[in-house]
Amino acid sequence: MKLAIKRKQLNEQVSELTTNRLSVYLRCLNELEAADVKTVSSQTLAQQFHLNAAQIRKDLAYFGEFGVRGVGYYVKDLKRHLRQILGLERKLKVAILGAGNLGLALADYPGFRQEGFQIIALFDTLSNKVGQQSRGGVPIFDIKDLRRIAAKEHIGIAVIAVPAIPTGVLAVTAPAPLADKTSRRSCSSAGRKNPVPDRAETDSRTASPGSCRIPASAPQ
């Protein structure tokens, strides 16, 4: 079924809160699709997942005409369009820094592949881990090779999966940043009490397991 879609992207003056809400809607649609639900109205979606029906309609209308009068939204189609709007259709290559229990678990987590994230490599400082692989076959490299492999494999995201930072540490700095853009964002937010999260932080926050809730009173 054809739906009229406005050519709007998230970088065209779309607020972070709107982006967060779209991510929540997508998670809710995933649950509905898993339950074999074919169509849903904004009112039903709001009631089932504790959202705001008017806000749902407003957010979706900004990007296109997705609803069908008398039917509501087709779950599968709306899910596909939201993935396109959020840029989740493209494949993103990821490196994981730290090949401990957490890093290995993240490397083999199937949910990342389903959402378009391809785990390319693990990195660690321990020589007895270098040269090995995760159970899923992700290779482990020496952290010294990070820059070379990141450039070779066109890795766009690095996930830090190391033991917790001791209490009292106020900031973490990277003496050799991977990219100027990334280093500027990190340094500019380090001294703030409430730094503005970037997209990676937003994704991890909205993707917290077990919840599709978002404050109904949140402004756009």
C-alpha atoms as a PDB file:
ATOM      1  CA  MET A   1       0.000   0.000   0.000  1.00  0.00           C
ATOM      2  CA  LYS A   2       1.334   3.419  -0.989  1.00  0.00           C
ATOM      3  CA  LEU A   3       1.602   6.131   1.595  1.00  0.00           C
ATOM      4  CA  ALA A   4       2.527   9.753   1.009  1.00  0.00           C
ATOM      5  CA  ILE A   5       5.815  10.498   2.728  1.00  0.00           C
ATOM      6  CA  LYS A   6       7.347  13.923   3.155  1.00  0.00           C
ATOM      7  CA  ARG A   7      11.044  14.149   2.332  1.00  0.00           C
ATOM      8  CA  LYS A   8      12.092  15.139   5.807  1.00  0.00           C
ATOM      9  CA  GLN A   9      15.153  13.864   7.629  1.00  0.00           C
ATOM     10  CA  LEU A  10      16.044  14.005  11.285  1.00  0.00           C
ATOM     11  CA  ASN A  11      18.697  16.648  10.635  1.00  0.00           C
ATOM     12  CA  GLU A  12      16.081  19.111   9.335  1.00  0.00           C
ATOM     13  CA  GLN A  13      15.313  20.883  12.595  1.00  0.00           C
ATOM     14  CA  VAL A  14      13.702  17.872  14.235  1.00  0.00           C
ATOM     15  CA  SER A  15      14.084  18.001  18.004  1.00  0.00           C
ATOM     16  CA  GLU A  16      15.864  15.345  20.015  1.00  0.00           C
ATOM     17  CA  LEU A  17      12.650  14.675  21.940  1.00  0.00           C
ATOM     18  CA  THR A  18      10.807  13.952  18.699  1.00  0.00           C
ATOM     19  CA  THR A  19      13.558  11.550  17.699  1.00  0.00           C
ATOM     20  CA  ASN A  20      13.269   9.838  21.078  1.00  0.00           C
ATOM     21  CA  ARG A  21       9.527   9.460  20.688  1.00  0.00           C
ATOM     22  CA  LEU A  22       9.881   7.962  17.212  1.00  0.00           C
ATOM     23  CA  SER A  23      12.292   5.409  18.678  1.00  0.00           C
ATOM     24  CA  VAL A  24       9.730   4.536  21.347  1.00  0.00           C
ATOM     25  CA  TYR A  25       6.982   4.160  18.740  1.00  0.00           C
ATOM     26  CA  LEU A  26       9.219   1.805  16.788  1.00  0.00           C
ATOM     27  CA  ARG A  27       9.838  -0.358  19.836  1.00  0.00           C
ATOM     28  CA  CYS A  28       6.116  -0.549  20.496  1.00  0.00           C
ATOM     29  CA  LEU A  29       5.444  -1.506  16.883  1.00  0.00           C
ATOM     30  CA  ASN A  30       8.048  -4.261  17.209  1.00  0.00           C
ATOM     31  CA  GLU A  31       6.076  -5.686  20.122  1.00  0.00           C
ATOM     32  CA  LEU A  32       2.808  -5.451  18.215  1.00  0.00           C
ATOM     33  CA  GLU A  33       4.281  -7.156  15.170  1.00  0.00           C
ATOM     34  CA  ALA A  34       5.678  -9.940  17.357  1.00  0.00           C
ATOM     35  CA  ALA A  35       2.145 -10.411  18.700  1.00  0.00           C
ATOM     36  CA  ASP A  36       0.876 -10.681  15.087  1.00  0.00           C
ATOM     37  CA  VAL A  37      -1.082  -7.419  15.301  1.00  0.00           C
ATOM     38  CA  LYS A  38      -1.742  -6.102  11.776  1.00  0.00           C
ATOM     39  CA  THR A  39      -3.253  -2.661  12.383  1.00  0.00           C
ATOM     40  CA  VAL A  40      -3.407  -0.250  15.301  1.00  0.00           C
ATOM     41  CA  SER A  41      -4.962   3.160  15.937  1.00  0.00           C
ATOM     42  CA  SER A  42      -3.154   5.986  17.689  1.00  0.00           C
ATOM     43  CA  GLN A  43      -5.630   5.688  20.569  1.00  0.00           C
ATOM     44  CA  THR A  44      -5.011   1.955  21.009  1.00  0.00           C
ATOM     45  CA  LEU A  45      -1.269   2.468  20.713  1.00  0.00           C
ATOM     46  CA  ALA A  46      -1.400   5.181  23.364  1.00  0.00           C
ATOM     47  CA  GLN A  47      -3.536   3.140  25.763  1.00  0.00           C
ATOM     48  CA  GLN A  48      -1.501  -0.047  25.434  1.00  0.00           C
ATOM     49  CA  PHE A  49       1.906   1.586  25.857  1.00  0.00           C
ATOM     50  CA  HIS A  50       1.007   4.573  28.066  1.00  0.00           C
ATOM     51  CA  LEU A  51       1.648   7.176  25.369  1.00  0.00           C
ATOM     52  CA  ASN A  52      -0.203  10.282  24.175  1.00  0.00           C
ATOM     53  CA  ALA A  53      -2.480   9.695  21.155  1.00  0.00           C
ATOM     54  CA  ALA A  54      -2.466  13.342  20.025  1.00  0.00           C
ATOM     55  CA  GLN A  55       1.331  13.464  20.223  1.00  0.00           C
ATOM     56  CA  ILE A  56       1.640  10.260  18.206  1.00  0.00           C
ATOM     57  CA  ARG A  57      -0.534  11.687  15.416  1.00  0.00           C
ATOM     58  CA  LYS A  58       1.350  14.980  15.459  1.00  0.00           C
ATOM     59  CA  ASP A  59       4.783  13.333  15.299  1.00  0.00           C
ATOM     60  CA  LEU A  60       3.835  10.977  12.481  1.00  0.00           C
ATOM     61  CA  ALA A  61       2.009  13.681  10.475  1.00  0.00           C
ATOM     62  CA  TYR A  62       5.235  15.704  10.375  1.00  0.00           C
ATOM     63  CA  PHE A  63       6.842  12.996   8.242  1.00  0.00           C
ATOM     64  CA  GLY A  64       3.931  11.848   6.108  1.00  0.00           C
ATOM     65  CA  GLU A  65       0.383  10.555   5.836  1.00  0.00           C
ATOM     66  CA  PHE A  66       0.688   7.135   7.421  1.00  0.00           C
ATOM     67  CA  GLY A  67      -2.800   6.561   8.796  1.00  0.00           C
ATOM     68  CA  VAL A  68      -5.804   5.157   6.940  1.00  0.00           C
ATOM     69  CA  ARG A  69      -9.247   6.441   7.876  1.00  0.00           C
ATOM     70  CA  GLY A  70     -11.293   3.760   9.614  1.00  0.00           C
ATOM     71  CA  VAL A  71      -8.275   1.443   9.884  1.00  0.00           C
ATOM     72  CA  GLY A  72      -5.497   3.278  11.691  1.00  0.00           C
ATOM     73  CA  TYR A  73      -1.875   2.377  10.980  1.00  0.00           C
ATOM     74  CA  TYR A  74      -0.619  -0.766   9.295  1.00  0.00           C
ATOM     75  CA  VAL A  75       1.947  -1.996  11.823  1.00  0.00           C
ATOM     76  CA  LYS A  76       4.386  -3.498   9.335  1.00  0.00           C
ATOM     77  CA  ASP A  77       4.327  -0.495   6.983  1.00  0.00           C
ATOM     78  CA  LEU A  78       4.624   2.083   9.757  1.00  0.00           C
ATOM     79  CA  LYS A  79       7.498   0.164  11.304  1.00  0.00           C
ATOM     80  CA  ARG A  80       9.335   0.175   7.964  1.00  0.00           C
ATOM     81  CA  HIS A  81       8.805   3.901   7.482  1.00  0.00           C
ATOM     82  CA  LEU A  82       9.998   4.738  11.007  1.00  0.00           C
ATOM     83  CA  ARG A  83      13.155   2.694  10.436  1.00  0.00           C
ATOM     84  CA  GLN A  84      13.795   4.714   7.278  1.00  0.00           C
ATOM     85  CA  ILE A  85      13.174   8.021   9.059  1.00  0.00           C
ATOM     86  CA  LEU A  86      15.508   7.072  11.924  1.00  0.00           C
ATOM     87  CA  GLY A  87      18.201   5.903   9.507  1.00  0.00           C
ATOM     88  CA  LEU A  88      18.113   2.304  10.708  1.00  0.00           C
ATOM     89  CA  GLU A  89      17.971   0.804   7.223  1.00  0.00           C
ATOM     90  CA  ARG A  90      21.657   1.408   6.636  1.00  0.00           C
ATOM     91  CA  LYS A  91      24.307  -0.910   8.014  1.00  0.00           C
ATOM     92  CA  LEU A  92      26.584   0.596  10.679  1.00  0.00           C
ATOM     93  CA  LYS A  93      29.918  -1.023  11.460  1.00  0.00           C
ATOM     94  CA  VAL A  94      30.805  -1.232  15.153  1.00  0.00           C
ATOM     95  CA  ALA A  95      33.942  -1.929  17.209  1.00  0.00           C
ATOM     96  CA  ILE A  96      33.789  -2.993  20.859  1.00  0.00           C
ATOM     97  CA  LEU A  97      36.586  -1.834  23.165  1.00  0.00           C
ATOM     98  CA  GLY A  98      37.067  -4.474  25.847  1.00  0.00           C
ATOM     99  CA  ALA A  99      36.850  -8.231  25.315  1.00  0.00           C
ATOM    100  CA  GLY A 100      35.713  -9.171  28.811  1.00  0.00           C
ATOM    101  CA  ASN A 101      32.383 -10.775  29.672  1.00  0.00           C
ATOM    102  CA  LEU A 102      30.419  -7.659  28.736  1.00  0.00           C
ATOM    103  CA  GLY A 103      32.256  -7.059  25.479  1.00  0.00           C
ATOM    104  CA  LEU A 104      31.932 -10.673  24.365  1.00  0.00           C
ATOM    105  CA  ALA A 105      28.232 -10.722  25.221  1.00  0.00           C
ATOM    106  CA  LEU A 106      27.640  -7.528  23.219  1.00  0.00           C
ATOM    107  CA  ALA A 107      29.604  -8.858  20.254  1.00  0.00           C
ATOM    108  CA  ASP A 108      27.356 -11.916  19.975  1.00  0.00           C
ATOM    109  CA  TYR A 109      24.047 -10.201  20.798  1.00  0.00           C
ATOM    110  CA  PRO A 110      21.727 -10.938  17.813  1.00  0.00           C
ATOM    111  CA  GLY A 111      19.636  -7.820  18.404  1.00  0.00           C
ATOM    112  CA  PHE A 112      22.392  -5.604  17.002  1.00  0.00           C
ATOM    113  CA  ARG A 113      22.351  -7.381  13.647  1.00  0.00           C
ATOM    114  CA  GLN A 114      18.580  -7.162  13.512  1.00  0.00           C
ATOM    115  CA  GLU A 115      18.797  -3.390  13.971  1.00  0.00           C
ATOM    116  CA  GLY A 116      21.483  -2.894  11.324  1.00  0.00           C
ATOM    117  CA  PHE A 117      24.596  -2.826  13.530  1.00  0.00           C
ATOM    118  CA  GLN A 118      27.444  -5.051  12.321  1.00  0.00           C
ATOM    119  CA  ILE A 119      30.028  -5.909  14.996  1.00  0.00           C
ATOM    120  CA  ILE A 120      33.337  -5.934  13.126  1.00  0.00           C
ATOM    121  CA  ALA A 121      35.927  -6.404  15.862  1.00  0.00           C
ATOM    122  CA  LEU A 122      36.728  -6.526  19.572  1.00  0.00           C
ATOM    123  CA  PHE A 123      39.790  -4.795  21.018  1.00  0.00           C
ATOM    124  CA  ASP A 124      41.667  -5.482  24.232  1.00  0.00           C
ATOM    125  CA  THR A 125      44.978  -4.806  25.952  1.00  0.00           C
ATOM    126  CA  LEU A 126      45.550  -8.365  27.232  1.00  0.00           C
ATOM    127  CA  SER A 127      47.852 -10.378  24.990  1.00  0.00           C
ATOM    128  CA  ASN A 128      46.221 -13.697  25.938  1.00  0.00           C
ATOM    129  CA  LYS A 129      42.945 -12.507  24.390  1.00  0.00           C
ATOM    130  CA  VAL A 130      44.372 -11.022  21.194  1.00  0.00           C
ATOM    131  CA  GLY A 131      43.995 -13.388  18.251  1.00  0.00           C
ATOM    132  CA  GLN A 132      41.004 -15.185  19.722  1.00  0.00           C
ATOM    133  CA  GLN A 133      37.344 -14.832  18.772  1.00  0.00           C
ATOM    134  CA  SER A 134      33.982 -14.482  20.443  1.00  0.00           C
ATOM    135  CA  ARG A 135      31.642 -17.466  20.278  1.00  0.00           C
ATOM    136  CA  GLY A 136      29.964 -15.839  17.305  1.00  0.00           C
ATOM    137  CA  GLY A 137      33.250 -15.429  15.472  1.00  0.00           C
ATOM    138  CA  VAL A 138      34.064 -11.756  16.106  1.00  0.00           C
ATOM    139  CA  PRO A 139      37.895 -11.428  16.117  1.00  0.00           C
ATOM    140  CA  ILE A 140      39.796  -9.845  19.005  1.00  0.00           C
ATOM    141  CA  PHE A 141      42.601  -7.414  18.169  1.00  0.00           C
ATOM    142  CA  ASP A 142      45.200  -5.515  20.144  1.00  0.00           C
ATOM    143  CA  ILE A 143      43.936  -2.067  21.113  1.00  0.00           C
ATOM    144  CA  LYS A 144      47.022  -0.633  19.389  1.00  0.00           C
ATOM    145  CA  ASP A 145      45.541  -1.705  16.053  1.00  0.00           C
ATOM    146  CA  LEU A 146      42.295   0.199  16.586  1.00  0.00           C
ATOM    147  CA  ARG A 147      43.100   3.147  14.330  1.00  0.00           C
ATOM    148  CA  ARG A 148      44.346   0.951  11.474  1.00  0.00           C
ATOM    149  CA  ILE A 149      41.432  -1.491  11.548  1.00  0.00           C
ATOM    150  CA  ALA A 150      38.848   1.243  12.018  1.00  0.00           C
ATOM    151  CA  ALA A 151      40.123   2.959   8.873  1.00  0.00           C
ATOM    152  CA  LYS A 152      40.377  -0.284   6.914  1.00  0.00           C
ATOM    153  CA  GLU A 153      36.910  -1.560   7.844  1.00  0.00           C
ATOM    154  CA  HIS A 154      35.225   1.883   7.834  1.00  0.00           C
ATOM    155  CA  ILE A 155      34.050   1.474  11.425  1.00  0.00           C
ATOM    156  CA  GLY A 156      31.717   4.284  12.423  1.00  0.00           C
ATOM    157  CA  ILE A 157      30.862   3.447  16.058  1.00  0.00           C
ATOM    158  CA  ALA A 158      32.995   2.325  19.001  1.00  0.00           C
ATOM    159  CA  VAL A 159      31.375   0.877  22.131  1.00  0.00           C
ATOM    160  CA  ILE A 160      33.352   1.037  25.387  1.00  0.00           C
ATOM    161  CA  ALA A 161      32.785  -2.185  27.347  1.00  0.00           C
ATOM    162  CA  VAL A 162      35.316  -2.006  30.165  1.00  0.00           C
ATOM    163  CA  PRO A 163      34.956  -2.318  33.965  1.00  0.00           C
ATOM    164  CA  ALA A 164      33.133   0.455  35.784  1.00  0.00           C
ATOM    165  CA  ILE A 165      34.966   3.717  36.351  1.00  0.00           C
ATOM    166  CA  PRO A 166      35.741   4.313  40.065  1.00  0.00           C
ATOM    167  CA  THR A 167      33.400   6.592  41.986  1.00  0.00           C
ATOM    168  CA  GLY A 168      34.651  10.162  42.077  1.00  0.00           C
ATOM    169  CA  VAL A 169      35.978  10.269  38.505  1.00  0.00           C
ATOM    170  CA  LEU A 170      34.316  13.266  36.858  1.00  0.00           C
ATOM    171  CA  ALA A 171      35.423  12.823  33.254  1.00  0.00           C
ATOM    172  CA  VAL A 172      37.134  10.444  30.850  1.00  0.00           C
ATOM    173  CA  THR A 173      39.369  11.818  28.125  1.00  0.00           C
ATOM    174  CA  ALA A 174      40.808  10.211  24.995  1.00  0.00           C
ATOM    175  CA  PRO A 175      44.359  11.507  24.367  1.00  0.00           C
ATOM    176  CA  ALA A 176      44.209  10.284  20.744  1.00  0.00           C
ATOM    177  CA  PRO A 177      40.639  10.867  19.492  1.00  0.00           C
ATOM    178  CA  LEU A 178      39.439   8.819  16.529  1.00  0.00           C
ATOM    179  CA  ALA A 179      37.889  11.834  14.838  1.00  0.00           C
ATOM    180  CA  ASP A 180      37.882  15.569  15.438  1.00  0.00           C
ATOM    181  CA  LYS A 181      34.076  15.699  15.394  1.00  0.00           C
ATOM    182  CA  THR A 182      33.787  13.003  18.036  1.00  0.00           C
ATOM    183  CA  SER A 183      36.430  14.562  20.283  1.00  0.00           C
ATOM    184  CA  ARG A 184      34.765  17.962  20.146  1.00  0.00           C
ATOM    185  CA  ARG A 185      31.433  16.501  21.212  1.00  0.00           C
ATOM    186  CA  SER A 186      32.999  14.566  24.074  1.00  0.00           C
ATOM    187  CA  CYS A 187      35.040  17.459  25.386  1.00  0.00           C
ATOM    188  CA  SER A 188      32.233  19.994  25.110  1.00  0.00           C
ATOM    189  CA  SER A 189      29.898  17.884  27.251  1.00  0.00           C
ATOM    190  CA  ALA A 190      32.398  16.644  29.837  1.00  0.00           C
ATOM    191  CA  GLY A 191      32.144  19.657  32.104  1.00  0.00           C
ATOM    192  CA  ARG A 192      28.386  20.112  31.969  1.00  0.00           C
ATOM    193  CA  LYS A 193      26.074  19.049  34.731  1.00  0.00           C
ATOM    194  CA  ASN A 194      23.462  17.822  32.205  1.00  0.00           C
ATOM    195  CA  PRO A 195      25.245  17.318  28.871  1.00  0.00           C
ATOM    196  CA  VAL A 196      23.146  16.963  25.744  1.00  0.00           C
ATOM    197  CA  PRO A 197      23.406  13.336  24.571  1.00  0.00           C
ATOM    198  CA  ASP A 198      24.470  12.483  21.056  1.00  0.00           C
ATOM    199  CA  ARG A 199      22.663   9.969  18.871  1.00  0.00           C
ATOM    200  CA  ALA A 200      24.444   6.951  20.311  1.00  0.00           C
ATOM    201  CA  GLU A 201      23.474   7.959  23.844  1.00  0.00           C
ATOM    202  CA  THR A 202      19.907   8.622  22.703  1.00  0.00           C
ATOM    203  CA  ASP A 203      19.661   5.203  21.047  1.00  0.00           C
ATOM    204  CA  SER A 204      20.912   3.397  24.139  1.00  0.00           C
ATOM    205  CA  ARG A 205      18.517   5.293  26.373  1.00  0.00           C
ATOM    206  CA  THR A 206      15.410   4.740  24.259  1.00  0.00           C
ATOM    207  CA  ALA A 207      16.324   1.112  23.652  1.00  0.00           C
ATOM    208  CA  SER A 208      16.316   0.128  27.293  1.00  0.00           C
ATOM    209  CA  PRO A 209      14.703  -3.308  27.540  1.00  0.00           C
ATOM    210  CA  GLY A 210      11.211  -3.882  28.850  1.00  0.00           C
ATOM    211  CA  SER A 211       9.692  -0.459  28.397  1.00  0.00           C
ATOM    212  CA  CYS A 212       7.922   1.519  25.689  1.00  0.00           C
ATOM    213  CA  ARG A 213       6.993   4.342  28.004  1.00  0.00           C
ATOM    214  CA  ILE A 214       7.730   8.008  27.409  1.00  0.00           C
ATOM    215  CA  PRO A 215       6.472  10.976  29.448  1.00  0.00           C
ATOM    216  CA  ALA A 216       3.207  12.084  27.872  1.00  0.00           C
ATOM    217  CA  SER A 217       3.864  15.676  28.903  1.00  0.00           C
ATOM    218  CA  ALA A 218       7.257  15.899  27.216  1.00  0.00           C
ATOM    219  CA  PRO A 219       7.385  18.900  24.864  1.00  0.00           C
ATOM    220  CA  GLN A 220       8.193  18.439  21.224  1.00  0.00           C
END
